[in-house]
Amino acid sequence: MKTLPVLECCVCDGPPLPEETRVALADRLKALADPTRIGIVNRLAANPELCVCDLTSAFELSQPTISHHLKILREAGLIEAERRGTWAYYRLNR
């Protein structure tokens, strides 16, 4: 068995993130902690915008399930939505 070299502890010179920033970052990471939501963000990254109907067919999930995932991503500030008639169109919040 190979032995790894012992590394000395490093000293972090930068200040810690403010609590508000840590909380916001944790909320975004929690929103991404789901394979479907990662897939949604991946598809939105490859397209300027997508209709909820496009996402429903892409993931073979019901519209209410996709809408639930989109709500979590929207609340985390990762995506934006725009209503056009009866459909909602989504895009990444860059």
PDB file of N, CA and C in Angstrom:
ATOM      1  N   MET A   1       0.833  -1.166   0.000  1.00  0.00           N
ATOM      2  CA  MET A   1       0.000   0.000   0.000  1.00  0.00           C
ATOM      3  C   MET A   1       0.889   1.245   0.000  1.00  0.00           C
ATOM      4  N   LYS A   2       0.581   2.162  -0.885  1.00  0.00           N
ATOM      5  CA  LYS A   2       1.374   3.377  -1.032  1.00  0.00           C
ATOM      6  C   LYS A   2       1.022   4.376   0.066  1.00  0.00           C
ATOM      7  N   THR A   3       2.026   4.964   0.659  1.00  0.00           N
ATOM      8  CA  THR A   3       1.826   5.953   1.706  1.00  0.00           C
ATOM      9  C   THR A   3       1.866   7.344   1.090  1.00  0.00           C
ATOM     10  N   LEU A   4       0.883   8.156   1.441  1.00  0.00           N
ATOM     11  CA  LEU A   4       0.832   9.524   0.943  1.00  0.00           C
ATOM     12  C   LEU A   4       1.715  10.408   1.807  1.00  0.00           C
ATOM     13  N   PRO A   5       2.336  11.420   1.194  1.00  0.00           N
ATOM     14  CA  PRO A   5       3.167  12.320   1.996  1.00  0.00           C
ATOM     15  C   PRO A   5       2.310  13.131   2.967  1.00  0.00           C
ATOM     16  N   VAL A   6       2.904  13.463   4.075  1.00  0.00           N
ATOM     17  CA  VAL A   6       2.218  14.273   5.069  1.00  0.00           C
ATOM     18  C   VAL A   6       2.291  15.729   4.619  1.00  0.00           C
ATOM     19  N   LEU A   7       1.147  16.369   4.567  1.00  0.00           N
ATOM     20  CA  LEU A   7       1.094  17.768   4.164  1.00  0.00           C
ATOM     21  C   LEU A   7       0.878  18.627   5.392  1.00  0.00           C
ATOM     22  N   GLU A   8       1.595  19.716   5.441  1.00  0.00           N
ATOM     23  CA  GLU A   8       1.399  20.636   6.552  1.00  0.00           C
ATOM     24  C   GLU A   8       0.136  21.450   6.306  1.00  0.00           C
ATOM     25  N   CYS A   9      -0.485  21.833   7.383  1.00  0.00           N
ATOM     26  CA  CYS A   9      -1.711  22.622   7.300  1.00  0.00           C
ATOM     27  C   CYS A   9      -1.399  23.994   6.706  1.00  0.00           C
ATOM     28  N   CYS A  10      -2.275  24.420   5.826  1.00  0.00           N
ATOM     29  CA  CYS A  10      -2.084  25.745   5.242  1.00  0.00           C
ATOM     30  C   CYS A  10      -2.853  26.779   6.057  1.00  0.00           C
ATOM     31  N   VAL A  11      -2.438  27.989   5.953  1.00  0.00           N
ATOM     32  CA  VAL A  11      -3.119  29.087   6.635  1.00  0.00           C
ATOM     33  C   VAL A  11      -3.899  29.863   5.579  1.00  0.00           C
ATOM     34  N   CYS A  12      -5.168  30.030   5.821  1.00  0.00           N
ATOM     35  CA  CYS A  12      -6.013  30.781   4.890  1.00  0.00           C
ATOM     36  C   CYS A  12      -5.895  32.261   5.237  1.00  0.00           C
ATOM     37  N   ASP A  13      -5.372  33.023   4.303  1.00  0.00           N
ATOM     38  CA  ASP A  13      -5.165  34.449   4.548  1.00  0.00           C
ATOM     39  C   ASP A  13      -6.413  35.285   4.307  1.00  0.00           C
ATOM     40  N   GLY A  14      -7.307  34.802   3.432  1.00  0.00           N
ATOM     41  CA  GLY A  14      -8.489  35.589   3.089  1.00  0.00           C
ATOM     42  C   GLY A  14      -9.527  35.545   4.186  1.00  0.00           C
ATOM     43  N   PRO A  15     -10.374  36.562   4.231  1.00  0.00           N
ATOM     44  CA  PRO A  15     -11.436  36.579   5.245  1.00  0.00           C
ATOM     45  C   PRO A  15     -12.513  35.545   4.886  1.00  0.00           C
ATOM     46  N   PRO A  16     -13.203  35.012   5.880  1.00  0.00           N
ATOM     47  CA  PRO A  16     -14.287  34.064   5.593  1.00  0.00           C
ATOM     48  C   PRO A  16     -15.444  34.784   4.905  1.00  0.00           C
ATOM     49  N   LEU A  17     -16.227  34.021   4.184  1.00  0.00           N
ATOM     50  CA  LEU A  17     -17.413  34.596   3.545  1.00  0.00           C
ATOM     51  C   LEU A  17     -18.386  35.079   4.616  1.00  0.00           C
ATOM     52  N   PRO A  18     -19.046  36.189   4.370  1.00  0.00           N
ATOM     53  CA  PRO A  18     -20.070  36.631   5.314  1.00  0.00           C
ATOM     54  C   PRO A  18     -21.193  35.594   5.399  1.00  0.00           C
ATOM     55  N   GLU A  19     -21.853  35.538   6.536  1.00  0.00           N
ATOM     56  CA  GLU A  19     -22.896  34.533   6.744  1.00  0.00           C
ATOM     57  C   GLU A  19     -23.992  34.619   5.682  1.00  0.00           C
ATOM     58  N   GLU A  20     -24.400  35.816   5.323  1.00  0.00           N
ATOM     59  CA  GLU A  20     -25.447  35.991   4.311  1.00  0.00           C
ATOM     60  C   GLU A  20     -25.034  35.350   2.979  1.00  0.00           C
ATOM     61  N   THR A  21     -23.784  35.517   2.610  1.00  0.00           N
ATOM     62  CA  THR A  21     -23.266  34.923   1.375  1.00  0.00           C
ATOM     63  C   THR A  21     -23.223  33.408   1.479  1.00  0.00           C
ATOM     64  N   ARG A  22     -22.807  32.895   2.625  1.00  0.00           N
ATOM     65  CA  ARG A  22     -22.754  31.442   2.823  1.00  0.00           C
ATOM     66  C   ARG A  22     -24.138  30.825   2.734  1.00  0.00           C
ATOM     67  N   VAL A  23     -25.125  31.492   3.328  1.00  0.00           N
ATOM     68  CA  VAL A  23     -26.503  30.989   3.302  1.00  0.00           C
ATOM     69  C   VAL A  23     -27.039  30.979   1.872  1.00  0.00           C
ATOM     70  N   ALA A  24     -26.811  32.067   1.135  1.00  0.00           N
ATOM     71  CA  ALA A  24     -27.290  32.153  -0.251  1.00  0.00           C
ATOM     72  C   ALA A  24     -26.628  31.082  -1.115  1.00  0.00           C
ATOM     73  N   LEU A  25     -25.340  30.875  -0.937  1.00  0.00           N
ATOM     74  CA  LEU A  25     -24.625  29.860  -1.701  1.00  0.00           C
ATOM     75  C   LEU A  25     -25.122  28.463  -1.347  1.00  0.00           C
ATOM     76  N   ALA A  26     -25.353  28.207  -0.070  1.00  0.00           N
ATOM     77  CA  ALA A  26     -25.871  26.905   0.359  1.00  0.00           C
ATOM     78  C   ALA A  26     -27.252  26.643  -0.243  1.00  0.00           C
ATOM     79  N   ASP A  27     -28.094  27.675  -0.290  1.00  0.00           N
ATOM     80  CA  ASP A  27     -29.429  27.516  -0.892  1.00  0.00           C
ATOM     81  C   ASP A  27     -29.323  27.155  -2.366  1.00  0.00           C
ATOM     82  N   ARG A  28     -28.406  27.780  -3.075  1.00  0.00           N
ATOM     83  CA  ARG A  28     -28.227  27.455  -4.496  1.00  0.00           C
ATOM     84  C   ARG A  28     -27.705  26.035  -4.677  1.00  0.00           C
ATOM     85  N   LEU A  29     -26.776  25.644  -3.837  1.00  0.00           N
ATOM     86  CA  LEU A  29     -26.243  24.283  -3.946  1.00  0.00           C
ATOM     87  C   LEU A  29     -27.308  23.246  -3.600  1.00  0.00           C
ATOM     88  N   LYS A  30     -28.161  23.536  -2.619  1.00  0.00           N
ATOM     89  CA  LYS A  30     -29.262  22.632  -2.285  1.00  0.00           C
ATOM     90  C   LYS A  30     -30.210  22.488  -3.477  1.00  0.00           C
ATOM     91  N   ALA A  31     -30.476  23.593  -4.166  1.00  0.00           N
ATOM     92  CA  ALA A  31     -31.367  23.553  -5.328  1.00  0.00           C
ATOM     93  C   ALA A  31     -30.782  22.680  -6.431  1.00  0.00           C
ATOM     94  N   LEU A  32     -29.471  22.618  -6.520  1.00  0.00           N
ATOM     95  CA  LEU A  32     -28.825  21.812  -7.552  1.00  0.00           C
ATOM     96  C   LEU A  32     -28.589  20.369  -7.106  1.00  0.00           C
ATOM     97  N   ALA A  33     -28.942  20.036  -5.876  1.00  0.00           N
ATOM     98  CA  ALA A  33     -28.672  18.712  -5.331  1.00  0.00           C
ATOM     99  C   ALA A  33     -29.732  17.694  -5.745  1.00  0.00           C
ATOM    100  N   ASP A  34     -30.078  17.703  -7.010  1.00  0.00           N
ATOM    101  CA  ASP A  34     -31.069  16.775  -7.548  1.00  0.00           C
ATOM    102  C   ASP A  34     -30.725  16.534  -9.014  1.00  0.00           C
ATOM    103  N   PRO A  35     -30.677  15.286  -9.456  1.00  0.00           N
ATOM    104  CA  PRO A  35     -30.310  15.007 -10.852  1.00  0.00           C
ATOM    105  C   PRO A  35     -31.229  15.660 -11.885  1.00  0.00           C
ATOM    106  N   THR A  36     -32.522  15.731 -11.601  1.00  0.00           N
ATOM    107  CA  THR A  36     -33.440  16.367 -12.552  1.00  0.00           C
ATOM    108  C   THR A  36     -33.154  17.855 -12.653  1.00  0.00           C
ATOM    109  N   ARG A  37     -32.928  18.506 -11.518  1.00  0.00           N
ATOM    110  CA  ARG A  37     -32.661  19.948 -11.549  1.00  0.00           C
ATOM    111  C   ARG A  37     -31.325  20.250 -12.225  1.00  0.00           C
ATOM    112  N   ILE A  38     -30.338  19.405 -12.015  1.00  0.00           N
ATOM    113  CA  ILE A  38     -29.071  19.579 -12.743  1.00  0.00           C
ATOM    114  C   ILE A  38     -29.321  19.429 -14.237  1.00  0.00           C
ATOM    115  N   GLY A  39     -30.138  18.459 -14.621  1.00  0.00           N
ATOM    116  CA  GLY A  39     -30.477  18.273 -16.028  1.00  0.00           C
ATOM    117  C   GLY A  39     -31.214  19.465 -16.612  1.00  0.00           C
ATOM    118  N   ILE A  40     -32.110  20.048 -15.842  1.00  0.00           N
ATOM    119  CA  ILE A  40     -32.849  21.237 -16.302  1.00  0.00           C
ATOM    120  C   ILE A  40     -31.879  22.388 -16.531  1.00  0.00           C
ATOM    121  N   VAL A  41     -30.993  22.627 -15.575  1.00  0.00           N
ATOM    122  CA  VAL A  41     -30.018  23.716 -15.714  1.00  0.00           C
ATOM    123  C   VAL A  41     -29.111  23.447 -16.913  1.00  0.00           C
ATOM    124  N   ASN A  42     -28.724  22.194 -17.109  1.00  0.00           N
ATOM    125  CA  ASN A  42     -27.884  21.832 -18.249  1.00  0.00           C
ATOM    126  C   ASN A  42     -28.586  22.141 -19.565  1.00  0.00           C
ATOM    127  N   ARG A  43     -29.856  21.792 -19.669  1.00  0.00           N
ATOM    128  CA  ARG A  43     -30.612  22.073 -20.905  1.00  0.00           C
ATOM    129  C   ARG A  43     -30.780  23.576 -21.110  1.00  0.00           C
ATOM    130  N   LEU A  44     -31.034  24.314 -20.028  1.00  0.00           N
ATOM    131  CA  LEU A  44     -31.184  25.756 -20.154  1.00  0.00           C
ATOM    132  C   LEU A  44     -29.865  26.424 -20.522  1.00  0.00           C
ATOM    133  N   ALA A  45     -28.761  25.854 -20.089  1.00  0.00           N
ATOM    134  CA  ALA A  45     -27.448  26.415 -20.447  1.00  0.00           C
ATOM    135  C   ALA A  45     -27.174  26.258 -21.939  1.00  0.00           C
ATOM    136  N   ALA A  46     -27.789  25.269 -22.562  1.00  0.00           N
ATOM    137  CA  ALA A  46     -27.574  25.017 -23.982  1.00  0.00           C
ATOM    138  C   ALA A  46     -28.589  25.723 -24.871  1.00  0.00           C
ATOM    139  N   ASN A  47     -29.565  26.402 -24.271  1.00  0.00           N
ATOM    140  CA  ASN A  47     -30.628  27.070 -25.027  1.00  0.00           C
ATOM    141  C   ASN A  47     -30.882  28.449 -24.431  1.00  0.00           C
ATOM    142  N   PRO A  48     -31.240  29.421 -25.274  1.00  0.00           N
ATOM    143  CA  PRO A  48     -31.535  30.753 -24.732  1.00  0.00           C
ATOM    144  C   PRO A  48     -32.722  30.715 -23.768  1.00  0.00           C
ATOM    145  N   GLU A  49     -33.719  29.901 -24.083  1.00  0.00           N
ATOM    146  CA  GLU A  49     -34.873  29.703 -23.217  1.00  0.00           C
ATOM    147  C   GLU A  49     -35.615  28.465 -23.674  1.00  0.00           C
ATOM    148  N   LEU A  50     -36.387  27.901 -22.757  1.00  0.00           N
ATOM    149  CA  LEU A  50     -37.189  26.718 -23.066  1.00  0.00           C
ATOM    150  C   LEU A  50     -38.569  26.864 -22.440  1.00  0.00           C
ATOM    151  N   CYS A  51     -39.544  26.331 -23.135  1.00  0.00           N
ATOM    152  CA  CYS A  51     -40.909  26.272 -22.631  1.00  0.00           C
ATOM    153  C   CYS A  51     -40.992  25.107 -21.637  1.00  0.00           C
ATOM    154  N   VAL A  52     -41.849  25.241 -20.655  1.00  0.00           N
ATOM    155  CA  VAL A  52     -42.027  24.152 -19.695  1.00  0.00           C
ATOM    156  C   VAL A  52     -42.432  22.865 -20.410  1.00  0.00           C
ATOM    157  N   CYS A  53     -43.150  22.974 -21.521  1.00  0.00           N
ATOM    158  CA  CYS A  53     -43.560  21.776 -22.260  1.00  0.00           C
ATOM    159  C   CYS A  53     -42.348  21.043 -22.848  1.00  0.00           C
ATOM    160  N   ASP A  54     -41.310  21.799 -23.252  1.00  0.00           N
ATOM    161  CA  ASP A  54     -40.087  21.177 -23.756  1.00  0.00           C
ATOM    162  C   ASP A  54     -39.388  20.386 -22.655  1.00  0.00           C
ATOM    163  N   LEU A  55     -39.388  20.917 -21.466  1.00  0.00           N
ATOM    164  CA  LEU A  55     -38.739  20.241 -20.342  1.00  0.00           C
ATOM    165  C   LEU A  55     -39.523  19.012 -19.914  1.00  0.00           C
ATOM    166  N   THR A  56     -40.848  19.108 -19.953  1.00  0.00           N
ATOM    167  CA  THR A  56     -41.680  17.965 -19.579  1.00  0.00           C
ATOM    168  C   THR A  56     -41.409  16.778 -20.491  1.00  0.00           C
ATOM    169  N   SER A  57     -41.333  17.018 -21.788  1.00  0.00           N
ATOM    170  CA  SER A  57     -41.084  15.913 -22.715  1.00  0.00           C
ATOM    171  C   SER A  57     -39.644  15.420 -22.649  1.00  0.00           C
ATOM    172  N   ALA A  58     -38.705  16.297 -22.341  1.00  0.00           N
ATOM    173  CA  ALA A  58     -37.293  15.909 -22.279  1.00  0.00           C
ATOM    174  C   ALA A  58     -37.008  14.978 -21.106  1.00  0.00           C
ATOM    175  N   PHE A  59     -37.728  15.143 -20.012  1.00  0.00           N
ATOM    176  CA  PHE A  59     -37.453  14.346 -18.822  1.00  0.00           C
ATOM    177  C   PHE A  59     -38.490  13.263 -18.570  1.00  0.00           C
ATOM    178  N   GLU A  60     -39.497  13.192 -19.402  1.00  0.00           N
ATOM    179  CA  GLU A  60     -40.561  12.202 -19.262  1.00  0.00           C
ATOM    180  C   GLU A  60     -41.146  12.212 -17.848  1.00  0.00           C
ATOM    181  N   LEU A  61     -41.350  13.416 -17.344  1.00  0.00           N
ATOM    182  CA  LEU A  61     -41.980  13.607 -16.041  1.00  0.00           C
ATOM    183  C   LEU A  61     -43.250  14.414 -16.235  1.00  0.00           C
ATOM    184  N   SER A  62     -44.127  14.361 -15.273  1.00  0.00           N
ATOM    185  CA  SER A  62     -45.372  15.116 -15.392  1.00  0.00           C
ATOM    186  C   SER A  62     -45.086  16.614 -15.295  1.00  0.00           C
ATOM    187  N   GLN A  63     -46.007  17.397 -15.835  1.00  0.00           N
ATOM    188  CA  GLN A  63     -45.857  18.852 -15.810  1.00  0.00           C
ATOM    189  C   GLN A  63     -45.800  19.378 -14.377  1.00  0.00           C
ATOM    190  N   PRO A  64     -46.639  18.872 -13.442  1.00  0.00           N
ATOM    191  CA  PRO A  64     -46.529  19.359 -12.061  1.00  0.00           C
ATOM    192  C   PRO A  64     -45.164  19.052 -11.423  1.00  0.00           C
ATOM    193  N   THR A  65     -44.576  17.907 -11.749  1.00  0.00           N
ATOM    194  CA  THR A  65     -43.262  17.553 -11.204  1.00  0.00           C
ATOM    195  C   THR A  65     -42.191  18.492 -11.739  1.00  0.00           C
ATOM    196  N   ILE A  66     -42.210  18.745 -13.051  1.00  0.00           N
ATOM    197  CA  ILE A  66     -41.250  19.681 -13.647  1.00  0.00           C
ATOM    198  C   ILE A  66     -41.455  21.074 -13.060  1.00  0.00           C
ATOM    199  N   SER A  67     -42.707  21.500 -12.904  1.00  0.00           N
ATOM    200  CA  SER A  67     -42.991  22.814 -12.332  1.00  0.00           C
ATOM    201  C   SER A  67     -42.450  22.925 -10.905  1.00  0.00           C
ATOM    202  N   HIS A  68     -42.528  21.853 -10.137  1.00  0.00           N
ATOM    203  CA  HIS A  68     -41.981  21.852  -8.778  1.00  0.00           C
ATOM    204  C   HIS A  68     -40.464  22.073  -8.817  1.00  0.00           C
ATOM    205  N   HIS A  69     -39.767  21.359  -9.700  1.00  0.00           N
ATOM    206  CA  HIS A  69     -38.322  21.527  -9.833  1.00  0.00           C
ATOM    207  C   HIS A  69     -37.979  22.949 -10.294  1.00  0.00           C
ATOM    208  N   LEU A  70     -38.743  23.470 -11.225  1.00  0.00           N
ATOM    209  CA  LEU A  70     -38.504  24.831 -11.718  1.00  0.00           C
ATOM    210  C   LEU A  70     -38.722  25.865 -10.617  1.00  0.00           C
ATOM    211  N   LYS A  71     -39.717  25.646  -9.769  1.00  0.00           N
ATOM    212  CA  LYS A  71     -39.975  26.559  -8.656  1.00  0.00           C
ATOM    213  C   LYS A  71     -38.772  26.599  -7.710  1.00  0.00           C
ATOM    214  N   ILE A  72     -38.206  25.462  -7.405  1.00  0.00           N
ATOM    215  CA  ILE A  72     -37.038  25.400  -6.515  1.00  0.00           C
ATOM    216  C   ILE A  72     -35.865  26.149  -7.140  1.00  0.00           C
ATOM    217  N   LEU A  73     -35.627  25.942  -8.435  1.00  0.00           N
ATOM    218  CA  LEU A  73     -34.532  26.635  -9.120  1.00  0.00           C
ATOM    219  C   LEU A  73     -34.784  28.138  -9.186  1.00  0.00           C
ATOM    220  N   ARG A  74     -36.037  28.519  -9.393  1.00  0.00           N
ATOM    221  CA  ARG A  74     -36.404  29.945  -9.456  1.00  0.00           C
ATOM    222  C   ARG A  74     -36.223  30.606  -8.092  1.00  0.00           C
ATOM    223  N   GLU A  75     -36.673  29.948  -7.034  1.00  0.00           N
ATOM    224  CA  GLU A  75     -36.541  30.498  -5.682  1.00  0.00           C
ATOM    225  C   GLU A  75     -35.070  30.643  -5.264  1.00  0.00           C
ATOM    226  N   ALA A  76     -34.215  29.783  -5.809  1.00  0.00           N
ATOM    227  CA  ALA A  76     -32.782  29.864  -5.506  1.00  0.00           C
ATOM    228  C   ALA A  76     -32.089  30.925  -6.353  1.00  0.00           C
ATOM    229  N   GLY A  77     -32.828  31.524  -7.290  1.00  0.00           N
ATOM    230  CA  GLY A  77     -32.270  32.582  -8.125  1.00  0.00           C
ATOM    231  C   GLY A  77     -31.438  32.072  -9.285  1.00  0.00           C
ATOM    232  N   LEU A  78     -31.572  30.793  -9.608  1.00  0.00           N
ATOM    233  CA  LEU A  78     -30.774  30.215 -10.689  1.00  0.00           C
ATOM    234  C   LEU A  78     -31.413  30.382 -12.059  1.00  0.00           C
ATOM    235  N   ILE A  79     -32.740  30.483 -12.098  1.00  0.00           N
ATOM    236  CA  ILE A  79     -33.440  30.636 -13.374  1.00  0.00           C
ATOM    237  C   ILE A  79     -34.470  31.753 -13.257  1.00  0.00           C
ATOM    238  N   GLU A  80     -34.916  32.214 -14.427  1.00  0.00           N
ATOM    239  CA  GLU A  80     -35.969  33.224 -14.522  1.00  0.00           C
ATOM    240  C   GLU A  80     -37.081  32.666 -15.391  1.00  0.00           C
ATOM    241  N   ALA A  81     -38.282  33.174 -15.188  1.00  0.00           N
ATOM    242  CA  ALA A  81     -39.431  32.722 -15.967  1.00  0.00           C
ATOM    243  C   ALA A  81     -40.163  33.916 -16.553  1.00  0.00           C
ATOM    244  N   GLU A  82     -40.784  33.671 -17.707  1.00  0.00           N
ATOM    245  CA  GLU A  82     -41.620  34.684 -18.352  1.00  0.00           C
ATOM    246  C   GLU A  82     -42.860  33.993 -18.892  1.00  0.00           C
ATOM    247  N   ARG A  83     -44.019  34.517 -18.524  1.00  0.00           N
ATOM    248  CA  ARG A  83     -45.289  33.958 -19.011  1.00  0.00           C
ATOM    249  C   ARG A  83     -45.633  34.551 -20.357  1.00  0.00           C
ATOM    250  N   ARG A  84     -46.018  33.666 -21.270  1.00  0.00           N
ATOM    251  CA  ARG A  84     -46.533  34.082 -22.580  1.00  0.00           C
ATOM    252  C   ARG A  84     -47.784  33.260 -22.848  1.00  0.00           C
ATOM    253  N   GLY A  85     -48.912  33.891 -22.661  1.00  0.00           N
ATOM    254  CA  GLY A  85     -50.170  33.161 -22.814  1.00  0.00           C
ATOM    255  C   GLY A  85     -50.295  32.122 -21.713  1.00  0.00           C
ATOM    256  N   THR A  86     -50.536  30.886 -22.110  1.00  0.00           N
ATOM    257  CA  THR A  86     -50.700  29.826 -21.118  1.00  0.00           C
ATOM    258  C   THR A  86     -49.388  29.132 -20.771  1.00  0.00           C
ATOM    259  N   TRP A  87     -48.306  29.440 -21.485  1.00  0.00           N
ATOM    260  CA  TRP A  87     -47.025  28.769 -21.263  1.00  0.00           C
ATOM    261  C   TRP A  87     -46.040  29.667 -20.533  1.00  0.00           C
ATOM    262  N   ALA A  88     -45.154  29.033 -19.815  1.00  0.00           N
ATOM    263  CA  ALA A  88     -44.061  29.752 -19.153  1.00  0.00           C
ATOM    264  C   ALA A  88     -42.761  29.355 -19.841  1.00  0.00           C
ATOM    265  N   TYR A  89     -41.913  30.328 -20.074  1.00  0.00           N
ATOM    266  CA  TYR A  89     -40.611  30.104 -20.696  1.00  0.00           C
ATOM    267  C   TYR A  89     -39.516  30.408 -19.670  1.00  0.00           C
ATOM    268  N   TYR A  90     -38.525  29.537 -19.631  1.00  0.00           N
ATOM    269  CA  TYR A  90     -37.480  29.624 -18.625  1.00  0.00           C
ATOM    270  C   TYR A  90     -36.127  29.846 -19.260  1.00  0.00           C
ATOM    271  N   ARG A  91     -35.261  30.555 -18.533  1.00  0.00           N
ATOM    272  CA  ARG A  91     -33.881  30.787 -18.964  1.00  0.00           C
ATOM    273  C   ARG A  91     -33.020  30.882 -17.717  1.00  0.00           C
ATOM    274  N   LEU A  92     -31.715  30.671 -17.913  1.00  0.00           N
ATOM    275  CA  LEU A  92     -30.795  30.805 -16.800  1.00  0.00           C
ATOM    276  C   LEU A  92     -30.708  32.257 -16.363  1.00  0.00           C
ATOM    277  N   ASN A  93     -30.557  32.474 -15.100  1.00  0.00           N
ATOM    278  CA  ASN A  93     -30.316  33.798 -14.551  1.00  0.00           C
ATOM    279  C   ASN A  93     -28.800  33.975 -14.507  1.00  0.00           C
ATOM    280  N   ARG A  94     -28.257  34.551 -15.539  1.00  0.00           N
ATOM    281  CA  ARG A  94     -26.803  34.680 -15.632  1.00  0.00           C
ATOM    282  C   ARG A  94     -26.325  35.840 -14.808  1.00  0.00           C
TER     283      ARG A  94
END
